[in-house]
Amino acid sequence: MATQVVGILGGMGPAAGADFVRLFVEACARQLQAQGQRVQDQAFPEHWLAQVPVPDRSGALLSTESGAHQPLEPMLQALGRLAALGVQSVAMACNTAHAWHGRLQARFPQLELLHVAEEVARALRAEGVSQAILLATTGTYQTRLYDEALARAGIALITPDAAGRERLMEGIYQGVKRGDLVLAQRCFAEVAQDLLARHGAQPLIMGCTEIPLALPGAPGLAGQRLLDPAKYLAQALAQRAYRQGPPQMS
């Protein structure tokens, strides 16, 4: 099977970048199986992880000032390194970082920079989903990253109120990023359960790469559909690695 070199822009945070590599390898194995190919070491494509320190994305979106606290320059440098390695398609292992997707893509037109919300919207539309709940960072809500992509696919989005968003941020920053997964799970589950109680059973989009590291398995969510956008993005990157484009949305 012919392959092309692909890349992963990580470091946002490091655990999420490392977990994305696992998801990508699993997606490659499924791709090989779907093509009737043997799953062996030599069949996996060349892929590079740029795990670089990147300033906080949500915090940067709240500031209009330029400076070292802005994440664009480190992401551009990382993309430059990936391009120098012959990478042709790149996935960003961070939802909020997609707020800079347009500027990053414009600076590196020779690369295909995949867009996580577009991949999620494409998959949910194909499944006939009409409504979903989004758990995400303040930055992702602020930029309406998923709202716009899902709206184009005819999918309505349910989001938490201000208190719920603060609770999610507590779970992300005080929980996952500090290694306290018990706190993280409690924060995430409280918000998810509240939204499900008010809106009924809806797919839950875990729209921050830290959330899938803690929410699955939480009490009270048995049987609920939890969607990890990173899995859809990893599948899209695996398709590019094996020289297959995305399915068209009519």
Protein backbone atom coordinates (compact mmCIF):
# COMPACT_ATOMS: atom_id res chain seq x y z
CA MET A 1 0.00 0.00 0.00
CA ALA A 2 1.50 3.36 -1.01
CA THR A 3 1.94 5.83 1.83
CA GLN A 4 2.86 9.45 2.37
CA VAL A 5 4.58 11.13 5.31
CA VAL A 6 2.21 12.72 7.83
CA GLY A 7 2.71 14.75 10.99
CA ILE A 8 1.13 15.49 14.35
CA LEU A 9 1.42 18.87 16.03
CA GLY A 10 1.32 18.09 19.75
CA GLY A 11 2.45 19.51 23.07
CA MET A 12 -1.00 20.92 23.92
CA GLY A 13 -0.68 19.22 26.41
CA PRO A 14 1.95 16.51 26.07
CA ALA A 15 -0.33 13.70 27.30
CA ALA A 16 -2.88 14.54 24.63
CA GLY A 17 -0.20 14.54 21.92
CA ALA A 18 1.11 11.16 23.05
CA ASP A 19 -2.42 9.74 23.18
CA PHE A 20 -3.11 11.01 19.67
CA VAL A 21 -0.20 8.93 18.35
CA ARG A 22 -1.88 5.85 19.83
CA LEU A 23 -5.17 6.76 18.16
CA PHE A 24 -3.39 7.30 14.84
CA VAL A 25 -1.65 3.92 14.98
CA GLU A 26 -4.97 2.24 15.77
CA ALA A 27 -6.59 4.06 12.84
CA CYS A 28 -3.79 2.90 10.54
CA ALA A 29 -4.36 -0.70 11.62
CA ARG A 30 -8.06 -0.38 10.79
CA GLN A 31 -7.17 1.17 7.44
CA LEU A 32 -4.90 -1.75 6.60
CA GLN A 33 -7.54 -4.29 7.62
CA ALA A 34 -10.18 -2.52 5.53
CA GLN A 35 -7.90 -2.81 2.52
CA GLY A 36 -7.22 -6.49 3.17
CA GLN A 37 -3.60 -5.78 4.04
CA ARG A 38 -1.53 -7.53 6.68
CA VAL A 39 -1.05 -5.46 9.85
CA GLN A 40 2.70 -5.50 10.42
CA ASP A 41 5.36 -3.01 11.46
CA GLN A 42 6.51 -2.34 7.92
CA ALA A 43 2.98 -1.47 6.75
CA PHE A 44 2.65 1.58 8.98
CA PRO A 45 3.39 4.97 7.38
CA GLU A 46 6.18 7.31 8.33
CA HIS A 47 4.79 9.81 10.84
CA TRP A 48 6.34 12.50 12.99
CA LEU A 49 5.20 13.99 16.29
CA ALA A 50 6.25 17.59 16.97
CA GLN A 51 5.79 17.73 20.73
CA VAL A 52 6.65 21.38 21.42
CA PRO A 53 5.83 23.73 24.32
CA VAL A 54 2.94 25.97 23.21
CA PRO A 55 1.50 28.81 25.33
CA ASP A 56 -2.01 28.33 26.70
CA ARG A 57 -4.50 28.64 23.86
CA SER A 58 -7.59 29.63 25.83
CA GLY A 59 -5.67 32.33 27.70
CA ALA A 60 -4.24 33.70 24.47
CA LEU A 61 -7.71 34.04 22.95
CA LEU A 62 -8.70 36.31 25.81
CA SER A 63 -5.80 38.68 25.06
CA THR A 64 -5.46 41.05 22.12
CA GLU A 65 -1.79 41.79 22.84
CA SER A 66 1.08 40.14 20.99
CA GLY A 67 3.97 38.53 22.81
CA ALA A 68 5.42 35.28 24.12
CA HIS A 69 2.03 34.26 25.55
CA GLN A 70 0.63 33.82 22.04
CA PRO A 71 0.81 30.30 20.57
CA LEU A 72 0.99 31.11 16.85
CA GLU A 73 4.78 31.43 16.54
CA PRO A 74 5.65 28.13 18.28
CA MET A 75 3.05 26.33 16.16
CA LEU A 76 4.48 27.88 12.99
CA GLN A 77 7.98 26.78 13.98
CA ALA A 78 6.77 23.25 14.63
CA LEU A 79 4.98 23.12 11.27
CA GLY A 80 8.17 24.31 9.61
CA ARG A 81 10.08 21.41 11.13
CA LEU A 82 7.43 18.97 10.01
CA ALA A 83 7.49 20.40 6.48
CA ALA A 84 11.28 20.00 6.40
CA LEU A 85 10.82 16.31 7.22
CA GLY A 86 8.69 15.83 4.11
CA VAL A 87 5.34 15.80 5.87
CA GLN A 88 2.36 16.37 3.56
CA SER A 89 -0.63 16.28 5.92
CA VAL A 90 -0.78 17.40 9.56
CA ALA A 91 -3.24 16.93 12.42
CA MET A 92 -3.24 19.22 15.47
CA ALA A 93 -3.73 17.33 18.73
CA CYS A 94 -5.61 20.22 20.34
CA ASN A 95 -9.13 21.49 19.68
CA THR A 96 -8.62 25.10 20.81
CA ALA A 97 -5.49 25.43 18.65
CA HIS A 98 -7.77 25.25 15.62
CA ALA A 99 -8.62 28.90 16.27
CA TRP A 100 -5.32 29.55 14.44
CA HIS A 101 -6.01 26.99 11.71
CA GLY A 102 -6.52 29.57 8.96
CA ARG A 103 -3.31 31.47 9.68
CA LEU A 104 -1.28 28.29 9.98
CA GLN A 105 -2.64 26.90 6.73
CA ALA A 106 -1.99 30.18 4.93
CA ARG A 107 1.67 30.15 5.99
CA PHE A 108 2.16 26.56 4.86
CA PRO A 109 0.01 26.10 1.74
CA GLN A 110 2.13 23.09 0.73
CA LEU A 111 0.77 21.19 3.74
CA GLU A 112 -2.78 19.96 4.26
CA LEU A 113 -3.71 20.98 7.80
CA LEU A 114 -6.69 18.88 8.83
CA HIS A 115 -9.53 20.51 10.76
CA VAL A 116 -10.94 18.54 13.71
CA ALA A 117 -14.40 20.12 13.77
CA GLU A 118 -14.87 19.54 10.04
CA GLU A 119 -13.96 15.87 10.47
CA VAL A 120 -16.45 15.49 13.33
CA ALA A 121 -19.18 17.27 11.35
CA ARG A 122 -18.58 15.07 8.32
CA ALA A 123 -18.83 11.87 10.38
CA LEU A 124 -21.92 12.90 12.35
CA ARG A 125 -23.75 14.05 9.25
CA ALA A 126 -23.07 10.68 7.62
CA GLU A 127 -24.62 9.02 10.70
CA GLY A 128 -27.72 11.19 10.53
CA VAL A 129 -27.08 12.95 13.86
CA SER A 130 -29.14 16.16 14.18
CA GLN A 131 -28.12 17.39 17.63
CA ALA A 132 -25.13 16.98 19.97
CA ILE A 133 -23.71 18.27 23.25
CA LEU A 134 -20.28 19.91 23.26
CA LEU A 135 -17.90 19.79 26.24
CA ALA A 136 -14.91 22.01 25.54
CA THR A 137 -12.63 24.83 26.67
CA THR A 138 -13.63 28.45 27.02
CA GLY A 139 -11.51 29.21 23.97
CA THR A 140 -13.29 26.65 21.82
CA TYR A 141 -16.70 28.00 22.85
CA GLN A 142 -15.55 31.58 22.27
CA THR A 143 -14.36 30.93 18.73
CA ARG A 144 -17.48 28.88 17.87
CA LEU A 145 -15.20 26.30 16.32
CA TYR A 146 -17.72 23.48 16.44
CA ASP A 147 -20.86 25.63 16.16
CA GLU A 148 -19.98 26.74 12.66
CA ALA A 149 -18.71 23.40 11.35
CA LEU A 150 -21.71 21.47 12.69
CA ALA A 151 -24.19 24.13 11.56
CA ARG A 152 -22.94 23.70 7.98
CA ALA A 153 -23.67 19.99 8.38
CA GLY A 154 -27.17 20.70 9.71
CA ILE A 155 -26.38 19.68 13.29
CA ALA A 156 -27.55 21.76 16.28
CA LEU A 157 -25.12 22.16 19.16
CA ILE A 158 -25.95 22.22 22.88
CA THR A 159 -23.43 23.93 25.18
CA PRO A 160 -23.22 24.46 28.97
CA ASP A 161 -23.88 27.75 30.75
CA ALA A 162 -21.11 29.91 32.23
CA ALA A 163 -20.95 27.90 35.46
CA GLY A 164 -20.69 24.67 33.51
CA ARG A 165 -17.88 26.06 31.38
CA GLU A 166 -15.96 27.10 34.46
CA ARG A 167 -16.38 23.60 35.89
CA LEU A 168 -15.01 22.09 32.69
CA MET A 169 -11.98 24.39 32.82
CA GLU A 170 -11.39 23.33 36.42
CA GLY A 171 -11.39 19.71 35.34
CA ILE A 172 -8.98 20.43 32.48
CA TYR A 173 -6.49 22.66 34.29
CA GLN A 174 -6.72 21.61 37.95
CA GLY A 175 -7.54 18.02 37.02
CA VAL A 176 -5.98 16.45 33.93
CA LYS A 177 -3.10 18.88 33.45
CA ARG A 178 -2.04 18.37 37.10
CA GLY A 179 -2.56 14.64 37.09
CA ASP A 180 -5.69 14.64 39.28
CA LEU A 181 -7.97 12.48 37.15
CA VAL A 182 -10.42 11.93 40.00
CA LEU A 183 -11.15 15.66 40.16
CA ALA A 184 -11.24 15.87 36.38
CA GLN A 185 -13.75 13.07 36.05
CA ARG A 186 -15.98 14.61 38.70
CA CYS A 187 -15.96 18.02 37.00
CA PHE A 188 -16.62 16.64 33.54
CA ALA A 189 -19.32 14.22 34.69
CA GLU A 190 -21.24 16.90 36.59
CA VAL A 191 -21.51 19.10 33.51
CA ALA A 192 -22.37 16.19 31.22
CA GLN A 193 -25.05 14.83 33.55
CA ASP A 194 -26.66 18.26 33.90
CA LEU A 195 -26.90 18.74 30.14
CA LEU A 196 -28.23 15.23 29.58
CA ALA A 197 -30.86 15.73 32.28
CA ARG A 198 -32.06 18.92 30.62
CA HIS A 199 -31.80 17.90 26.96
CA GLY A 200 -32.19 14.14 26.96
CA ALA A 201 -29.84 11.52 25.57
CA GLN A 202 -27.63 13.23 22.99
CA PRO A 203 -24.16 12.37 21.68
CA LEU A 204 -21.50 14.05 23.83
CA ILE A 205 -18.61 15.58 21.89
CA MET A 206 -15.52 15.62 24.13
CA GLY A 207 -14.17 18.73 22.43
CA CYS A 208 -10.91 19.06 24.36
CA THR A 209 -8.16 16.44 24.15
CA GLU A 210 -7.94 16.31 27.95
CA ILE A 211 -11.59 15.32 28.47
CA PRO A 212 -11.36 11.79 26.97
CA LEU A 213 -8.47 11.11 29.36
CA ALA A 214 -10.86 11.31 32.34
CA LEU A 215 -14.57 11.27 31.42
CA PRO A 216 -15.05 7.72 30.02
CA GLY A 217 -16.14 5.36 32.77
CA ALA A 218 -17.59 8.11 34.93
CA PRO A 219 -20.52 7.02 37.14
CA GLY A 220 -23.89 8.00 35.78
CA LEU A 221 -22.86 8.02 32.13
CA ALA A 222 -23.19 4.31 31.37
CA GLY A 223 -24.77 3.84 27.97
CA GLN A 224 -24.23 7.45 26.89
CA ARG A 225 -22.47 7.99 23.59
CA LEU A 226 -19.15 9.78 24.13
CA LEU A 227 -17.50 11.06 20.96
CA ASP A 228 -13.76 11.70 20.90
CA PRO A 229 -12.96 14.16 18.08
CA ALA A 230 -9.34 13.00 18.17
CA LYS A 231 -10.46 9.60 16.91
CA TYR A 232 -12.14 11.16 13.88
CA LEU A 233 -9.07 13.31 13.27
CA ALA A 234 -6.74 10.32 13.64
CA GLN A 235 -8.83 8.40 11.13
CA ALA A 236 -8.63 11.29 8.67
CA LEU A 237 -4.83 11.45 9.08
CA ALA A 238 -4.58 7.70 8.52
CA GLN A 239 -6.57 8.09 5.31
CA ARG A 240 -4.11 10.72 4.10
CA ALA A 241 -1.16 8.55 5.12
CA TYR A 242 -2.49 5.82 2.83
CA ARG A 243 -3.22 8.38 0.10
CA GLN A 244 -6.98 8.42 0.50
CA GLY A 245 -8.94 11.66 0.59
CA PRO A 246 -11.98 12.42 2.75
CA PRO A 247 -15.48 11.37 1.69
CA GLN A 248 -17.34 14.22 0.04
CA MET A 249 -20.17 15.97 1.88
CA SER A 250 -23.05 16.61 -0.49
